[in-house]
């Protein structure tokens, strides 16, 4: 049974949330982890689509610190709840 892009995006979000504050993950690291997890059901193009879905939905953001990483959006200290 093939994995949908939405299911893959949810799994990627869970991975990013798990490593939040511990390790910065690059897009390629996340795609490789999903290929390891799901095997032949996932390829690089599908991984790119899932990352695009995460960015478009604003569940994750790109950050730059000597390289491009995918992280959860940061909440500013003065931002209302």
PDB file of N, CA and C in Angstrom:
ATOM      1  N   UNK A   1       0.850  -1.182   0.000  1.00  0.00           N
ATOM      2  CA  UNK A   1       0.000   0.000   0.000  1.00  0.00           C
ATOM      3  C   UNK A   1       0.892   1.240   0.000  1.00  0.00           C
ATOM      4  N   UNK A   2       0.672   2.096  -0.960  1.00  0.00           N
ATOM      5  CA  UNK A   2       1.507   3.290  -1.118  1.00  0.00           C
ATOM      6  C   UNK A   2       1.183   4.338  -0.050  1.00  0.00           C
ATOM      7  N   UNK A   3       2.190   5.074   0.309  1.00  0.00           N
ATOM      8  CA  UNK A   3       2.049   6.152   1.289  1.00  0.00           C
ATOM      9  C   UNK A   3       1.654   7.414   0.533  1.00  0.00           C
ATOM     10  N   UNK A   4       0.657   8.139   1.029  1.00  0.00           N
ATOM     11  CA  UNK A   4       0.256   9.386   0.380  1.00  0.00           C
ATOM     12  C   UNK A   4       1.199  10.507   0.795  1.00  0.00           C
ATOM     13  N   UNK A   5       1.183  11.596   0.023  1.00  0.00           N
ATOM     14  CA  UNK A   5       2.024  12.742   0.327  1.00  0.00           C
ATOM     15  C   UNK A   5       1.634  13.338   1.682  1.00  0.00           C
ATOM     16  N   UNK A   6       0.341  13.331   2.007  1.00  0.00           N
ATOM     17  CA  UNK A   6      -0.122  13.874   3.286  1.00  0.00           C
ATOM     18  C   UNK A   6       0.403  13.043   4.461  1.00  0.00           C
ATOM     19  N   UNK A   7       0.349  11.712   4.312  1.00  0.00           N
ATOM     20  CA  UNK A   7       0.872  10.835   5.368  1.00  0.00           C
ATOM     21  C   UNK A   7       2.382  11.022   5.533  1.00  0.00           C
ATOM     22  N   UNK A   8       3.071  11.193   4.415  1.00  0.00           N
ATOM     23  CA  UNK A   8       4.513  11.411   4.458  1.00  0.00           C
ATOM     24  C   UNK A   8       4.827  12.747   5.128  1.00  0.00           C
ATOM     25  N   UNK A   9       4.051  13.775   4.813  1.00  0.00           N
ATOM     26  CA  UNK A   9       4.247  15.088   5.438  1.00  0.00           C
ATOM     27  C   UNK A   9       4.017  15.002   6.944  1.00  0.00           C
ATOM     28  N   UNK A  10       3.003  14.251   7.367  1.00  0.00           N
ATOM     29  CA  UNK A  10       2.741  14.076   8.804  1.00  0.00           C
ATOM     30  C   UNK A  10       3.909  13.369   9.491  1.00  0.00           C
ATOM     31  N   UNK A  11       4.470  12.353   8.829  1.00  0.00           N
ATOM     32  CA  UNK A  11       5.610  11.622   9.397  1.00  0.00           C
ATOM     33  C   UNK A  11       6.833  12.541   9.469  1.00  0.00           C
ATOM     34  N   UNK A  12       7.014  13.374   8.457  1.00  0.00           N
ATOM     35  CA  UNK A  12       8.131  14.327   8.467  1.00  0.00           C
ATOM     36  C   UNK A  12       7.963  15.346   9.584  1.00  0.00           C
ATOM     37  N   UNK A  13       6.743  15.828   9.766  1.00  0.00           N
ATOM     38  CA  UNK A  13       6.468  16.795  10.831  1.00  0.00           C
ATOM     39  C   UNK A  13       6.783  16.169  12.196  1.00  0.00           C
ATOM     40  N   UNK A  14       6.384  14.927  12.382  1.00  0.00           N
ATOM     41  CA  UNK A  14       6.661  14.237  13.649  1.00  0.00           C
ATOM     42  C   UNK A  14       8.163  14.113  13.875  1.00  0.00           C
ATOM     43  N   UNK A  15       8.915  13.836  12.816  1.00  0.00           N
ATOM     44  CA  UNK A  15      10.367  13.727  12.934  1.00  0.00           C
ATOM     45  C   UNK A  15      10.987  15.061  13.316  1.00  0.00           C
ATOM     46  N   UNK A  16      10.559  16.139  12.656  1.00  0.00           N
ATOM     47  CA  UNK A  16      11.082  17.473  12.957  1.00  0.00           C
ATOM     48  C   UNK A  16      10.724  17.861  14.395  1.00  0.00           C
ATOM     49  N   UNK A  17       9.489  17.563  14.813  1.00  0.00           N
ATOM     50  CA  UNK A  17       9.056  17.882  16.175  1.00  0.00           C
ATOM     51  C   UNK A  17       9.863  17.087  17.207  1.00  0.00           C
ATOM     52  N   UNK A  18      10.184  15.849  16.889  1.00  0.00           N
ATOM     53  CA  UNK A  18      10.962  15.004  17.798  1.00  0.00           C
ATOM     54  C   UNK A  18      12.362  15.581  18.039  1.00  0.00           C
ATOM     55  N   UNK A  19      12.973  16.130  16.994  1.00  0.00           N
ATOM     56  CA  UNK A  19      14.332  16.660  17.100  1.00  0.00           C
ATOM     57  C   UNK A  19      14.378  18.156  17.397  1.00  0.00           C
ATOM     58  N   UNK A  20      13.230  18.788  17.577  1.00  0.00           N
ATOM     59  CA  UNK A  20      13.194  20.232  17.833  1.00  0.00           C
ATOM     60  C   UNK A  20      14.012  20.581  19.066  1.00  0.00           C
ATOM     61  N   UNK A  21      14.944  21.515  18.911  1.00  0.00           N
ATOM     62  CA  UNK A  21      15.794  21.930  20.015  1.00  0.00           C
ATOM     63  C   UNK A  21      16.969  21.013  20.285  1.00  0.00           C
ATOM     64  N   UNK A  22      17.015  19.850  19.637  1.00  0.00           N
ATOM     65  CA  UNK A  22      18.087  18.886  19.852  1.00  0.00           C
ATOM     66  C   UNK A  22      19.051  18.847  18.673  1.00  0.00           C
ATOM     67  N   UNK A  23      18.485  18.843  17.467  1.00  0.00           N
ATOM     68  CA  UNK A  23      19.288  18.708  16.264  1.00  0.00           C
ATOM     69  C   UNK A  23      18.585  19.403  15.113  1.00  0.00           C
ATOM     70  N   UNK A  24      19.348  20.108  14.300  1.00  0.00           N
ATOM     71  CA  UNK A  24      18.792  20.742  13.107  1.00  0.00           C
ATOM     72  C   UNK A  24      18.840  19.729  11.967  1.00  0.00           C
ATOM     73  N   UNK A  25      17.733  19.608  11.256  1.00  0.00           N
ATOM     74  CA  UNK A  25      17.652  18.633  10.173  1.00  0.00           C
ATOM     75  C   UNK A  25      17.608  19.328   8.821  1.00  0.00           C
ATOM     76  N   UNK A  26      18.410  18.837   7.891  1.00  0.00           N
ATOM     77  CA  UNK A  26      18.365  19.325   6.509  1.00  0.00           C
ATOM     78  C   UNK A  26      17.274  18.562   5.779  1.00  0.00           C
ATOM     79  N   UNK A  27      16.801  19.146   4.678  1.00  0.00           N
ATOM     80  CA  UNK A  27      15.756  18.501   3.891  1.00  0.00           C
ATOM     81  C   UNK A  27      16.203  17.117   3.427  1.00  0.00           C
ATOM     82  N   UNK A  28      17.448  17.009   2.988  1.00  0.00           N
ATOM     83  CA  UNK A  28      17.943  15.714   2.509  1.00  0.00           C
ATOM     84  C   UNK A  28      17.978  14.677   3.633  1.00  0.00           C
ATOM     85  N   UNK A  29      18.297  15.111   4.856  1.00  0.00           N
ATOM     86  CA  UNK A  29      18.300  14.188   5.999  1.00  0.00           C
ATOM     87  C   UNK A  29      16.900  13.636   6.262  1.00  0.00           C
ATOM     88  N   UNK A  30      15.915  14.523   6.159  1.00  0.00           N
ATOM     89  CA  UNK A  30      14.529  14.113   6.415  1.00  0.00           C
ATOM     90  C   UNK A  30      14.053  13.141   5.342  1.00  0.00           C
ATOM     91  N   UNK A  31      14.350  13.444   4.079  1.00  0.00           N
ATOM     92  CA  UNK A  31      13.936  12.560   2.981  1.00  0.00           C
ATOM     93  C   UNK A  31      14.608  11.195   3.121  1.00  0.00           C
ATOM     94  N   UNK A  32      15.896  11.172   3.439  1.00  0.00           N
ATOM     95  CA  UNK A  32      16.603   9.896   3.621  1.00  0.00           C
ATOM     96  C   UNK A  32      15.990   9.079   4.754  1.00  0.00           C
ATOM     97  N   UNK A  33      15.611   9.750   5.845  1.00  0.00           N
ATOM     98  CA  UNK A  33      14.986   9.060   6.971  1.00  0.00           C
ATOM     99  C   UNK A  33      13.644   8.448   6.563  1.00  0.00           C
ATOM    100  N   UNK A  34      12.874   9.168   5.742  1.00  0.00           N
ATOM    101  CA  UNK A  34      11.581   8.651   5.292  1.00  0.00           C
ATOM    102  C   UNK A  34      11.762   7.487   4.319  1.00  0.00           C
ATOM    103  N   UNK A  35      12.785   7.545   3.475  1.00  0.00           N
ATOM    104  CA  UNK A  35      13.073   6.424   2.568  1.00  0.00           C
ATOM    105  C   UNK A  35      13.468   5.195   3.384  1.00  0.00           C
ATOM    106  N   UNK A  36      14.235   5.406   4.444  1.00  0.00           N
ATOM    107  CA  UNK A  36      14.620   4.298   5.330  1.00  0.00           C
ATOM    108  C   UNK A  36      13.389   3.715   6.020  1.00  0.00           C
ATOM    109  N   UNK A  37      12.493   4.595   6.447  1.00  0.00           N
ATOM    110  CA  UNK A  37      11.300   4.150   7.184  1.00  0.00           C
ATOM    111  C   UNK A  37      10.300   3.423   6.283  1.00  0.00           C
ATOM    112  N   UNK A  38      10.035   3.979   5.086  1.00  0.00           N
ATOM    113  CA  UNK A  38       8.986   3.442   4.217  1.00  0.00           C
ATOM    114  C   UNK A  38       9.505   2.603   3.053  1.00  0.00           C
ATOM    115  N   UNK A  39      10.802   2.597   2.812  1.00  0.00           N
ATOM    116  CA  UNK A  39      11.369   1.771   1.742  1.00  0.00           C
ATOM    117  C   UNK A  39      10.982   2.257   0.357  1.00  0.00           C
ATOM    118  N   UNK A  40      10.614   1.313  -0.502  1.00  0.00           N
ATOM    119  CA  UNK A  40      10.324   1.608  -1.910  1.00  0.00           C
ATOM    120  C   UNK A  40       9.048   2.422  -2.124  1.00  0.00           C
ATOM    121  N   UNK A  41       8.246   2.595  -1.079  1.00  0.00           N
ATOM    122  CA  UNK A  41       7.003   3.354  -1.217  1.00  0.00           C
ATOM    123  C   UNK A  41       7.271   4.847  -1.372  1.00  0.00           C
ATOM    124  N   UNK A  42       8.481   5.299  -1.015  1.00  0.00           N
ATOM    125  CA  UNK A  42       8.816   6.723  -1.014  1.00  0.00           C
ATOM    126  C   UNK A  42      10.052   6.944  -1.878  1.00  0.00           C
ATOM    127  N   UNK A  43      10.048   8.027  -2.678  1.00  0.00           N
ATOM    128  CA  UNK A  43      11.245   8.414  -3.414  1.00  0.00           C
ATOM    129  C   UNK A  43      11.536   9.890  -3.155  1.00  0.00           C
ATOM    130  N   UNK A  44      12.623  10.395  -3.718  1.00  0.00           N
ATOM    131  CA  UNK A  44      13.038  11.775  -3.452  1.00  0.00           C
ATOM    132  C   UNK A  44      12.001  12.791  -3.912  1.00  0.00           C
ATOM    133  N   UNK A  45      11.391  12.548  -5.074  1.00  0.00           N
ATOM    134  CA  UNK A  45      10.387  13.491  -5.585  1.00  0.00           C
ATOM    135  C   UNK A  45       9.178  13.575  -4.662  1.00  0.00           C
ATOM    136  N   UNK A  46       8.753  12.441  -4.147  1.00  0.00           N
ATOM    137  CA  UNK A  46       7.631  12.425  -3.207  1.00  0.00           C
ATOM    138  C   UNK A  46       8.021  13.144  -1.917  1.00  0.00           C
ATOM    139  N   UNK A  47       9.275  12.978  -1.492  1.00  0.00           N
ATOM    140  CA  UNK A  47       9.772  13.671  -0.306  1.00  0.00           C
ATOM    141  C   UNK A  47       9.753  15.180  -0.500  1.00  0.00           C
ATOM    142  N   UNK A  48      10.148  15.629  -1.695  1.00  0.00           N
ATOM    143  CA  UNK A  48      10.123  17.064  -1.994  1.00  0.00           C
ATOM    144  C   UNK A  48       8.700  17.606  -1.965  1.00  0.00           C
ATOM    145  N   UNK A  49       7.759  16.836  -2.495  1.00  0.00           N
ATOM    146  CA  UNK A  49       6.348  17.246  -2.467  1.00  0.00           C
ATOM    147  C   UNK A  49       5.843  17.386  -1.034  1.00  0.00           C
ATOM    148  N   UNK A  50       6.212  16.431  -0.189  1.00  0.00           N
ATOM    149  CA  UNK A  50       5.767  16.461   1.210  1.00  0.00           C
ATOM    150  C   UNK A  50       6.379  17.658   1.937  1.00  0.00           C
ATOM    151  N   UNK A  51       7.645  17.958   1.671  1.00  0.00           N
ATOM    152  CA  UNK A  51       8.278  19.123   2.293  1.00  0.00           C
ATOM    153  C   UNK A  51       7.598  20.400   1.816  1.00  0.00           C
ATOM    154  N   UNK A  52       7.280  20.472   0.534  1.00  0.00           N
ATOM    155  CA  UNK A  52       6.573  21.639   0.000  1.00  0.00           C
ATOM    156  C   UNK A  52       5.216  21.798   0.694  1.00  0.00           C
ATOM    157  N   UNK A  53       4.527  20.689   0.940  1.00  0.00           N
ATOM    158  CA  UNK A  53       3.236  20.740   1.636  1.00  0.00           C
ATOM    159  C   UNK A  53       3.414  21.263   3.060  1.00  0.00           C
ATOM    160  N   UNK A  54       4.488  20.848   3.743  1.00  0.00           N
ATOM    161  CA  UNK A  54       4.751  21.338   5.102  1.00  0.00           C
ATOM    162  C   UNK A  54       5.026  22.839   5.098  1.00  0.00           C
ATOM    163  N   UNK A  55       5.769  23.306   4.120  1.00  0.00           N
ATOM    164  CA  UNK A  55       6.089  24.736   4.034  1.00  0.00           C
ATOM    165  C   UNK A  55       4.850  25.556   3.679  1.00  0.00           C
ATOM    166  N   UNK A  56       4.060  25.072   2.725  1.00  0.00           N
ATOM    167  CA  UNK A  56       2.858  25.793   2.304  1.00  0.00           C
ATOM    168  C   UNK A  56       1.829  25.890   3.423  1.00  0.00           C
ATOM    169  N   UNK A  57       1.760  24.863   4.259  1.00  0.00           N
ATOM    170  CA  UNK A  57       0.802  24.869   5.368  1.00  0.00           C
ATOM    171  C   UNK A  57       1.354  25.602   6.588  1.00  0.00           C
ATOM    172  N   UNK A  58       2.624  26.025   6.503  1.00  0.00           N
ATOM    173  CA  UNK A  58       3.314  26.747   7.577  1.00  0.00           C
ATOM    174  C   UNK A  58       3.472  25.918   8.852  1.00  0.00           C
ATOM    175  N   UNK A  59       3.463  24.602   8.715  1.00  0.00           N
ATOM    176  CA  UNK A  59       3.723  23.734   9.863  1.00  0.00           C
ATOM    177  C   UNK A  59       5.212  23.696  10.171  1.00  0.00           C
ATOM    178  N   UNK A  60       6.035  23.896   9.132  1.00  0.00           N
ATOM    179  CA  UNK A  60       7.488  23.959   9.281  1.00  0.00           C
ATOM    180  C   UNK A  60       8.004  25.153   8.484  1.00  0.00           C
ATOM    181  N   UNK A  61       9.214  25.592   8.819  1.00  0.00           N
ATOM    182  CA  UNK A  61       9.839  26.713   8.116  1.00  0.00           C
ATOM    183  C   UNK A  61      11.291  26.364   7.812  1.00  0.00           C
ATOM    184  N   UNK A  62      11.817  27.023   6.782  1.00  0.00           N
ATOM    185  CA  UNK A  62      13.242  26.921   6.496  1.00  0.00           C
ATOM    186  C   UNK A  62      13.970  27.915   7.372  1.00  0.00           C
ATOM    187  N   UNK A  63      15.107  27.519   7.918  1.00  0.00           N
ATOM    188  CA  UNK A  63      15.975  28.431   8.646  1.00  0.00           C
ATOM    189  C   UNK A  63      17.360  28.323   8.030  1.00  0.00           C
ATOM    190  N   UNK A  64      18.146  29.370   8.212  1.00  0.00           N
ATOM    191  CA  UNK A  64      19.498  29.359   7.675  1.00  0.00           C
ATOM    192  C   UNK A  64      20.482  29.703   8.769  1.00  0.00           C
ATOM    193  N   UNK A  65      21.445  28.815   8.987  1.00  0.00           N
ATOM    194  CA  UNK A  65      22.509  29.058   9.953  1.00  0.00           C
ATOM    195  C   UNK A  65      23.725  28.279   9.461  1.00  0.00           C
ATOM    196  N   UNK A  66      24.398  28.839   8.447  1.00  0.00           N
ATOM    197  CA  UNK A  66      25.516  28.134   7.842  1.00  0.00           C
ATOM    198  C   UNK A  66      25.072  27.010   6.932  1.00  0.00           C
ATOM    199  N   UNK A  67      23.797  26.843   6.761  1.00  0.00           N
ATOM    200  CA  UNK A  67      23.170  25.829   5.917  1.00  0.00           C
ATOM    201  C   UNK A  67      21.668  25.962   6.059  1.00  0.00           C
ATOM    202  N   UNK A  68      20.926  25.369   5.165  1.00  0.00           N
ATOM    203  CA  UNK A  68      19.471  25.464   5.204  1.00  0.00           C
ATOM    204  C   UNK A  68      18.900  24.270   5.964  1.00  0.00           C
ATOM    205  N   UNK A  69      18.058  24.564   6.949  1.00  0.00           N
ATOM    206  CA  UNK A  69      17.462  23.535   7.787  1.00  0.00           C
ATOM    207  C   UNK A  69      15.953  23.684   7.820  1.00  0.00           C
ATOM    208  N   UNK A  70      15.273  22.616   8.195  1.00  0.00           N
ATOM    209  CA  UNK A  70      13.824  22.640   8.361  1.00  0.00           C
ATOM    210  C   UNK A  70      13.541  22.517   9.848  1.00  0.00           C
ATOM    211  N   UNK A  71      12.764  23.467  10.367  1.00  0.00           N
ATOM    212  CA  UNK A  71      12.432  23.488  11.792  1.00  0.00           C
ATOM    213  C   UNK A  71      10.970  23.858  11.978  1.00  0.00           C
ATOM    214  N   UNK A  72      10.514  23.696  13.220  1.00  0.00           N
ATOM    215  CA  UNK A  72       9.187  24.183  13.581  1.00  0.00           C
ATOM    216  C   UNK A  72       9.249  25.700  13.669  1.00  0.00           C
ATOM    217  N   UNK A  73       8.148  26.399  13.362  1.00  0.00           N
ATOM    218  CA  UNK A  73       8.170  27.865  13.470  1.00  0.00           C
ATOM    219  C   UNK A  73       8.445  28.287  14.911  1.00  0.00           C
ATOM    220  N   UNK A  74       9.280  29.312  15.059  1.00  0.00           N
ATOM    221  CA  UNK A  74       9.604  29.825  16.390  1.00  0.00           C
ATOM    222  C   UNK A  74       8.543  30.821  16.816  1.00  0.00           C
ATOM    223  N   UNK A  75       8.230  30.826  18.089  1.00  0.00           N
ATOM    224  CA  UNK A  75       7.264  31.777  18.625  1.00  0.00           C
ATOM    225  C   UNK A  75       8.036  32.890  19.306  1.00  0.00           C
ATOM    226  N   UNK A  76       7.740  34.107  18.928  1.00  0.00           N
ATOM    227  CA  UNK A  76       8.405  35.262  19.526  1.00  0.00           C
ATOM    228  C   UNK A  76       7.933  35.445  20.963  1.00  0.00           C
ATOM    229  N   UNK A  77       8.787  35.983  21.803  1.00  0.00           N
ATOM    230  CA  UNK A  77       8.464  36.153  23.208  1.00  0.00           C
ATOM    231  C   UNK A  77       7.281  37.076  23.443  1.00  0.00           C
ATOM    232  N   UNK A  78       7.099  38.095  22.593  1.00  0.00           N
ATOM    233  CA  UNK A  78       6.020  39.054  22.782  1.00  0.00           C
ATOM    234  C   UNK A  78       4.763  38.678  21.982  1.00  0.00           C
ATOM    235  N   UNK A  79       4.792  37.572  21.276  1.00  0.00           N
ATOM    236  CA  UNK A  79       3.653  37.165  20.457  1.00  0.00           C
ATOM    237  C   UNK A  79       2.479  36.771  21.341  1.00  0.00           C
ATOM    238  N   UNK A  80       1.262  37.207  20.972  1.00  0.00           N
ATOM    239  CA  UNK A  80       0.073  36.827  21.769  1.00  0.00           C
ATOM    240  C   UNK A  80      -0.205  35.332  21.618  1.00  0.00           C
ATOM    241  N   UNK A  81      -0.815  34.767  22.617  1.00  0.00           N
ATOM    242  CA  UNK A  81      -1.158  33.336  22.609  1.00  0.00           C
ATOM    243  C   UNK A  81      -2.248  33.039  21.643  1.00  0.00           C
TER     244      UNK A  81
END
